[in-house]
Structure formats: structure tokens, C-alpha cells
Amino acid sequence: MKIKYFYFLIVPICGMIMTACSTSNDELERRALELCAYIPIPDDLERSRPYLTDDFFDLLDETFTQPSFGVMVHEWEFYFVAADGTPIANTNYSISEINQQDETHAIATISVVPAEPDYDIEKHLMCLQLVDQQWLISDFDNHKNDLINSLENSRAEQRVRNVIGNYLCEAIGSQYMEAEICVPVVMIVAAEEQDSLNCSVLGDFWVFNYNLVGDTLKTISGGNHAGRMSLTLQDGQLVVKSFEQTVDGAGNVESAKRIFGDYFDIYQNIHSNIEVSEAARQEQLREFVRRNGVHASYYQDYGWQAVRLFGD
């Protein structure tokens, strides 16, 4: 009898647990509306952290902190903004539909009214997941896979940049007046893959040698070295096989046209724009300082005012 009594006792208890775990449609809609205010913003991801699943936050955190290299625009920057450029978290929104897939997954369709009147109302999908009895954002407009691909591409490009940067410092920077620190600037114009082992990278490359004086990196030497680098895989490692540079002086433009070919106009637009070059230099110098723990707040070329690396 005790066994039967225990059996009949546990049935209503399980029923109560299932009832407690289920979420009504109204409750889910209210939660989805609350979560809209925490749709990720690249410049302020931390505010959204308690409202995102751990895997989605970690993916966003790594993606958002990838260096932009000054002249690049990451596609993911537009994933979380309305057509008028306003972050969706800062717009007027409403839940037009909520669908619960199972006990722990749901999808909310969000209607977003852009701040600018010339734009139409947009529809976005926000995926929700129940974690520790709390509904959290697990994906947005199915961009999780896009972010994974973006991150993989960024890692692959960073490996190429590291190889090129190391070559610039070791093979070229060492030929300039010696200094404490060598920091390359890599502005990729195009990449061409010959086969699974070989590729070439066309770019506008710079080398800068610095001494750290107080909190300022003072430029000691350096210069521009644009051209085509041929890379190959050797024993599983990517290495620079050869480097064809543009010539100095009167033959510079002709050599650049020959080396860059169909990409010459892109190269010329980058090479001739000092604002683009300086933006890339500052971004990559900031990344170098962060990555290597260099205590520098400024950099300064001879005869010029010091430039702040961080902040306004």
C-alpha cells in the first residue's frame, strides 16, 4: 500500500511542476517586449549581458571586439540597427506575434518604427530561450550563423595580417633606424588565391619604428612599402614567399598600375587619402598597444603634435 500511495502522490506533484514551468502567451509577450530594450548594441554590449544566453553573448563579445583595421566596415555592425541607422533597442517597437516552439524556445516578431519618418516599419525576429526559468535572447534575425562566419573570416584574415606584419617588421623594419618597437600598418586592397597552398595579397603597407618616451610612442623611422606579397603554406605554416614592391620616384605610378592591375583605382584611393591611412594606423596601433600591454596613450611623428590613441 505504501508504494501505491507514493505513486498517486507523485502524479499531482509532477502536474504542479509542469504548470509552474509553463509560460502563458501573455507572460511570454510581456517578457519579449522587455527584452527588446536589450537587443545588442555593439558600443554597449555589457548592458545586454543579463538578457542574452551565454553562448550568444560570448559570440557577440568576441565579434564586437574584432579590430576594424581602420578602413574596414564589418557587416555585423548593421545587424542590430534599423534602416535609418538607429539601434533597434532605442526605437519604438511592439510585439506583433509570439510563437513558442517548445517548452524552452520561442520566436517573437518585432515591429520597429524607425526614428526617421521616411523609413517604413520593419519586422525583425528575436529568438528566445528559457534558461534557469528566465527567458533570454538567443539569436536575432537568425544572425548567429552569420556572426560565426564573420568571426571565422576575421580570424583567417588576422592570421594573414599577422604573417604580413611580422614580415614587414623583420625583413623591412630592421633595415630602418633601430628603435624599441616596430608596428606595421597593413591595408589590404585585394587577395587572390592561386590554389590551396598559395595566394597573393595586394596592399598598401607601412612600417613604423617607435621609442616609448613616457606615455608617447615617438616615431624614429619608417616608410611606405606598397605592393604584392605572395604567401604559401610550408609545413602547415603560412609564410611570405616573395614581395614585389612599387618603385620610388618617377616610375611609382607605372609600377603600381602593373602590380595592382584591376585593383589600381582601389589602391590609389587608399594610398592618396591621408585620412584613411591615419585611421588605419591609429586603429592598428591601438590594437598593438592593447595586445602587447604597451603603456602608451599617444604617438608622435617628428615635428608634429602628439596624437591621442584612446578617447577624445
Protein backbone atom coordinates (compact mmCIF):
# COMPACT_ATOMS: atom_id res chain seq x y z
CA MET A 1 0.00 0.00 0.00
CA LYS A 2 2.84 2.39 0.72
CA ILE A 3 4.17 2.01 -2.78
CA LYS A 4 0.76 2.73 -4.32
CA TYR A 5 0.31 5.73 -2.02
CA PHE A 6 3.65 7.14 -3.11
CA TYR A 7 2.74 6.62 -6.78
CA PHE A 8 -0.53 8.52 -6.51
CA LEU A 9 1.16 11.26 -4.50
CA ILE A 10 3.85 11.98 -7.08
CA VAL A 11 1.44 12.39 -10.02
CA PRO A 12 -0.17 15.65 -8.81
CA ILE A 13 3.26 16.94 -7.78
CA CYS A 14 4.56 16.44 -11.32
CA GLY A 15 1.46 18.15 -12.65
CA MET A 16 2.13 21.15 -10.43
CA ILE A 17 5.77 21.33 -11.59
CA MET A 18 4.74 21.26 -15.25
CA THR A 19 2.19 24.00 -14.64
CA ALA A 20 4.77 26.11 -12.85
CA CYS A 21 7.30 25.67 -15.66
CA SER A 22 4.93 26.59 -18.48
CA THR A 23 4.67 30.20 -19.66
CA SER A 24 1.43 31.78 -20.75
CA ASN A 25 1.35 33.60 -24.07
CA ASP A 26 0.71 36.92 -22.33
CA GLU A 27 3.66 36.43 -19.99
CA LEU A 28 5.92 35.49 -22.88
CA GLU A 29 4.81 38.52 -24.88
CA ARG A 30 5.49 40.83 -21.91
CA ARG A 31 8.94 39.31 -21.48
CA ALA A 32 9.70 39.63 -25.20
CA LEU A 33 8.71 43.30 -25.10
CA GLU A 34 11.00 43.82 -22.11
CA LEU A 35 13.87 42.11 -23.94
CA CYS A 36 13.52 44.44 -26.94
CA ALA A 37 15.18 47.18 -24.92
CA TYR A 38 18.26 44.96 -24.62
CA ILE A 39 18.75 43.98 -28.25
CA PRO A 40 22.56 44.18 -28.56
CA ILE A 41 24.30 47.46 -29.30
CA PRO A 42 27.95 46.98 -30.39
CA ASP A 43 29.15 50.02 -28.43
CA ASP A 44 27.40 48.96 -25.22
CA LEU A 45 27.11 45.18 -25.18
CA GLU A 46 27.57 44.86 -21.42
CA ARG A 47 24.15 46.37 -20.69
CA SER A 48 22.57 43.47 -22.58
CA ARG A 49 24.59 40.73 -20.89
CA PRO A 50 21.97 39.64 -18.30
CA TYR A 51 19.38 39.35 -21.08
CA LEU A 52 21.38 37.19 -23.51
CA THR A 53 22.17 33.50 -23.41
CA ASP A 54 25.81 32.85 -22.52
CA ASP A 55 26.72 31.47 -25.95
CA PHE A 56 25.11 34.40 -27.77
CA PHE A 57 26.85 36.92 -25.52
CA ASP A 58 30.25 35.24 -25.92
CA LEU A 59 29.85 35.18 -29.69
CA LEU A 60 28.86 38.85 -29.80
CA ASP A 61 31.59 39.84 -27.37
CA GLU A 62 34.32 38.28 -29.50
CA THR A 63 32.82 39.59 -32.73
CA PHE A 64 32.33 43.14 -31.48
CA THR A 65 35.93 43.37 -30.25
CA GLN A 66 37.49 42.29 -33.56
CA PRO A 67 39.70 45.13 -34.87
CA SER A 68 38.25 47.05 -37.79
CA PHE A 69 41.71 47.90 -39.24
CA GLY A 70 40.55 51.45 -39.87
CA VAL A 71 39.35 51.01 -43.47
CA MET A 72 37.05 48.01 -42.97
CA VAL A 73 33.33 48.02 -42.25
CA HIS A 74 32.02 44.89 -40.58
CA GLU A 75 28.66 43.74 -41.91
CA TRP A 76 27.51 42.80 -38.39
CA GLU A 77 27.51 46.48 -37.47
CA PHE A 78 24.20 46.71 -39.35
CA TYR A 79 22.56 43.61 -37.88
CA PHE A 80 21.12 45.37 -34.84
CA VAL A 81 20.08 48.72 -36.27
CA ALA A 82 17.01 49.92 -38.15
CA ALA A 83 17.22 51.06 -41.76
CA ASP A 84 17.78 54.64 -40.66
CA GLY A 85 20.83 53.62 -38.63
CA THR A 86 19.18 53.86 -35.21
CA PRO A 87 19.90 50.95 -32.82
CA ILE A 88 16.72 48.86 -32.62
CA ALA A 89 16.97 48.85 -28.84
CA ASN A 90 16.50 52.63 -28.94
CA THR A 91 13.49 52.71 -31.28
CA ASN A 92 9.74 52.39 -30.83
CA TYR A 93 8.80 48.73 -31.08
CA SER A 94 5.96 46.34 -30.39
CA ILE A 95 5.44 42.58 -30.45
CA SER A 96 3.29 41.72 -33.44
CA GLU A 97 3.46 37.95 -32.95
CA ILE A 98 4.84 35.45 -30.44
CA ASN A 99 5.24 31.73 -31.11
CA GLN A 100 6.50 29.22 -28.59
CA GLN A 101 8.24 26.31 -30.35
CA ASP A 102 8.59 24.11 -27.28
CA GLU A 103 8.98 24.45 -23.52
CA THR A 104 12.29 26.31 -23.80
CA HIS A 105 12.26 28.05 -27.20
CA ALA A 106 10.15 30.84 -28.69
CA ILE A 107 10.28 33.38 -31.52
CA ALA A 108 8.96 36.92 -31.27
CA THR A 109 8.18 39.02 -34.34
CA ILE A 110 9.00 42.64 -33.58
CA SER A 111 7.56 45.67 -35.36
CA VAL A 112 10.08 48.52 -35.32
CA VAL A 113 9.16 52.11 -36.12
CA PRO A 114 12.32 53.91 -37.36
CA ALA A 115 13.07 57.30 -35.88
CA GLU A 116 13.20 58.86 -39.34
CA PRO A 117 9.71 59.27 -40.91
CA ASP A 118 10.95 58.46 -44.42
CA TYR A 119 11.52 54.81 -43.48
CA ASP A 120 8.92 52.05 -43.30
CA ILE A 121 8.03 49.95 -40.28
CA GLU A 122 10.35 46.94 -40.12
CA LYS A 123 9.83 43.37 -38.98
CA HIS A 124 12.54 41.53 -37.05
CA LEU A 125 12.73 38.11 -35.42
CA MET A 126 14.03 37.67 -31.90
CA CYS A 127 14.71 34.12 -30.69
CA LEU A 128 14.12 33.42 -27.01
CA GLN A 129 15.41 30.57 -24.87
CA LEU A 130 14.37 29.62 -21.35
CA VAL A 131 17.46 29.37 -19.14
CA ASP A 132 17.15 28.85 -15.37
CA GLN A 133 13.47 29.85 -15.51
CA GLN A 134 14.32 33.08 -17.33
CA TRP A 135 13.60 33.87 -20.98
CA LEU A 136 16.71 35.29 -22.71
CA ILE A 137 17.65 36.44 -26.23
CA SER A 138 19.41 33.57 -28.00
CA ASP A 139 19.52 34.93 -31.56
CA PHE A 140 18.34 37.91 -33.61
CA ASP A 141 17.09 37.71 -37.20
CA ASN A 142 18.89 34.35 -37.41
CA HIS A 143 22.23 36.17 -37.47
CA LYS A 144 24.03 33.78 -35.11
CA ASN A 145 25.44 31.77 -38.03
CA ASP A 146 26.35 34.98 -39.84
CA LEU A 147 28.31 36.09 -36.78
CA ILE A 148 30.09 32.74 -36.58
CA ASN A 149 31.08 33.03 -40.25
CA SER A 150 32.15 36.65 -39.78
CA LEU A 151 34.30 35.64 -36.84
CA GLU A 152 35.91 32.77 -38.75
CA ASN A 153 36.68 35.11 -41.67
CA SER A 154 38.09 37.70 -39.29
CA ARG A 155 40.34 35.11 -37.65
CA ALA A 156 41.56 33.92 -41.06
CA GLU A 157 42.25 37.49 -42.15
CA GLN A 158 44.01 38.23 -38.88
CA ARG A 159 46.32 35.24 -39.45
CA VAL A 160 47.22 36.65 -42.87
CA ARG A 161 47.75 40.11 -41.38
CA ASN A 162 50.00 38.71 -38.66
CA VAL A 163 52.19 36.93 -41.21
CA ILE A 164 52.44 40.08 -43.36
CA GLY A 165 53.03 42.27 -40.31
CA ASN A 166 55.82 40.04 -39.00
CA TYR A 167 57.45 40.04 -42.42
CA LEU A 168 57.28 43.83 -42.65
CA CYS A 169 58.95 44.22 -39.26
CA GLU A 170 61.60 41.53 -39.70
CA ALA A 171 62.55 41.99 -43.35
CA ILE A 172 61.90 45.71 -43.81
CA GLY A 173 61.60 47.42 -40.43
CA SER A 174 65.00 46.02 -39.45
CA GLN A 175 66.56 47.99 -42.35
CA TYR A 176 65.43 51.33 -40.90
CA MET A 177 66.98 53.22 -38.00
CA GLU A 178 66.71 50.92 -34.99
CA ALA A 179 64.08 51.59 -32.34
CA GLU A 180 62.39 49.80 -29.43
CA ILE A 181 59.14 48.90 -31.15
CA CYS A 182 58.18 48.14 -34.75
CA VAL A 183 54.49 48.38 -35.68
CA PRO A 184 53.33 47.69 -39.24
CA VAL A 185 50.19 49.06 -40.88
CA VAL A 186 48.51 46.58 -43.20
CA MET A 187 45.83 47.89 -45.55
CA ILE A 188 44.69 45.05 -47.79
CA VAL A 189 43.44 46.06 -51.23
CA ALA A 190 42.67 42.55 -52.53
CA ALA A 191 43.57 38.91 -52.03
CA GLU A 192 43.91 36.36 -54.81
CA GLU A 193 44.03 32.63 -54.21
CA GLN A 194 46.07 30.64 -56.73
CA ASP A 195 45.46 27.19 -55.21
CA SER A 196 45.03 25.56 -51.81
CA LEU A 197 48.65 26.34 -50.87
CA ASN A 198 49.35 29.70 -52.50
CA CYS A 199 47.78 33.14 -52.53
CA SER A 200 48.83 36.72 -53.04
CA VAL A 201 47.84 39.81 -51.09
CA LEU A 202 47.82 43.26 -52.68
CA GLY A 203 48.11 46.06 -50.20
CA ASP A 204 49.33 49.44 -49.08
CA PHE A 205 51.80 48.58 -46.33
CA TRP A 206 53.67 50.81 -43.88
CA VAL A 207 56.35 50.25 -41.29
CA PHE A 208 56.86 52.49 -38.24
CA ASN A 209 59.63 52.18 -35.65
CA TYR A 210 58.97 53.84 -32.29
CA ASN A 211 60.64 54.56 -28.98
CA LEU A 212 58.39 54.80 -25.93
CA VAL A 213 59.08 58.07 -24.10
CA GLY A 214 56.81 58.41 -21.08
CA ASP A 215 53.38 57.53 -22.43
CA THR A 216 54.18 58.59 -26.02
CA LEU A 217 55.36 56.42 -28.89
CA LYS A 218 57.79 58.66 -30.77
CA THR A 219 58.36 57.79 -34.41
CA ILE A 220 62.04 57.12 -35.10
CA SER A 221 61.88 55.78 -38.66
CA GLY A 222 59.65 54.07 -41.19
CA GLY A 223 58.12 54.28 -44.61
CA ASN A 224 55.64 53.03 -47.18
CA HIS A 225 56.00 49.67 -48.97
CA ALA A 226 53.03 49.01 -51.23
CA GLY A 227 52.84 46.00 -53.49
CA ARG A 228 52.04 42.31 -53.88
CA MET A 229 53.00 39.70 -51.30
CA SER A 230 52.97 36.06 -52.36
CA LEU A 231 52.15 33.72 -49.48
CA THR A 232 52.44 29.95 -49.30
CA LEU A 233 51.88 27.14 -46.82
CA GLN A 234 55.08 25.45 -45.67
CA ASP A 235 54.81 22.63 -43.14
CA GLY A 236 51.37 23.92 -42.19
CA GLN A 237 52.63 27.46 -41.60
CA LEU A 238 51.73 30.46 -43.76
CA VAL A 239 54.86 32.33 -44.87
CA VAL A 240 55.75 35.15 -47.27
CA LYS A 241 57.40 33.66 -50.36
CA SER A 242 58.11 36.90 -52.21
CA PHE A 243 57.27 40.61 -52.15
CA GLU A 244 57.05 42.79 -55.25
CA GLN A 245 57.03 46.47 -54.28
CA THR A 246 56.16 49.63 -56.16
CA VAL A 247 59.24 51.61 -57.10
CA ASP A 248 60.08 55.02 -55.69
CA GLY A 249 60.28 58.20 -57.72
CA ALA A 250 59.14 58.79 -61.28
CA GLY A 251 58.20 55.19 -62.01
CA ASN A 252 55.94 54.80 -58.96
CA VAL A 253 52.56 55.13 -60.70
CA GLU A 254 53.53 52.88 -63.62
CA SER A 255 54.78 50.15 -61.28
CA ALA A 256 51.64 50.45 -59.13
CA LYS A 257 49.40 50.07 -62.21
CA ARG A 258 51.33 46.98 -63.27
CA ILE A 259 51.29 45.35 -59.81
CA PHE A 260 47.73 46.21 -58.79
CA GLY A 261 46.15 45.80 -62.21
CA ASP A 262 42.35 45.92 -61.96
CA TYR A 263 42.68 46.96 -58.31
CA PHE A 264 44.76 50.06 -59.04
CA ASP A 265 41.90 52.53 -58.50
CA ILE A 266 41.11 50.98 -55.11
CA TYR A 267 44.78 51.13 -54.16
CA GLN A 268 45.09 54.72 -55.34
CA ASN A 269 42.01 55.78 -53.36
CA ILE A 270 43.54 54.32 -50.19
CA HIS A 271 47.12 55.40 -50.84
CA SER A 272 46.28 59.00 -51.71
CA ASN A 273 43.86 59.53 -48.81
CA ILE A 274 45.81 60.57 -45.71
CA GLU A 275 42.70 60.33 -43.54
CA VAL A 276 42.24 56.66 -44.46
CA SER A 277 45.93 55.92 -43.86
CA GLU A 278 45.94 57.66 -40.49
CA ALA A 279 42.70 55.97 -39.42
CA ALA A 280 44.22 52.56 -40.24
CA ARG A 281 47.46 53.48 -38.49
CA GLN A 282 45.69 54.60 -35.32
CA GLU A 283 43.40 51.56 -35.20
CA GLN A 284 46.21 49.08 -35.72
CA LEU A 285 48.49 50.90 -33.30
CA ARG A 286 45.74 50.84 -30.66
CA GLU A 287 45.33 47.10 -31.25
CA PHE A 288 49.10 46.58 -30.90
CA VAL A 289 49.20 48.56 -27.65
CA ARG A 290 46.26 46.61 -26.18
CA ARG A 291 47.56 43.21 -27.27
CA ASN A 292 51.12 43.77 -26.03
CA GLY A 293 50.41 45.71 -22.86
CA VAL A 294 52.36 48.79 -24.01
CA HIS A 295 51.66 51.73 -21.69
CA ALA A 296 51.18 54.34 -24.40
CA SER A 297 48.46 56.95 -24.72
CA TYR A 298 49.89 58.96 -27.65
CA TYR A 299 52.06 58.63 -30.74
CA GLN A 300 54.07 61.44 -32.28
CA ASP A 301 55.86 61.91 -35.58
CA TYR A 302 58.91 64.19 -35.62
CA GLY A 303 57.87 67.84 -35.96
CA TRP A 304 54.16 67.11 -35.40
CA GLN A 305 51.80 67.32 -32.44
CA ALA A 306 51.26 64.14 -30.43
CA VAL A 307 48.08 62.23 -31.35
CA ARG A 308 45.91 60.68 -28.65
CA LEU A 309 45.38 56.96 -29.13
CA PHE A 310 42.44 56.47 -26.80
CA GLY A 311 39.47 58.72 -26.01
CA ASP A 312 38.72 62.12 -27.50
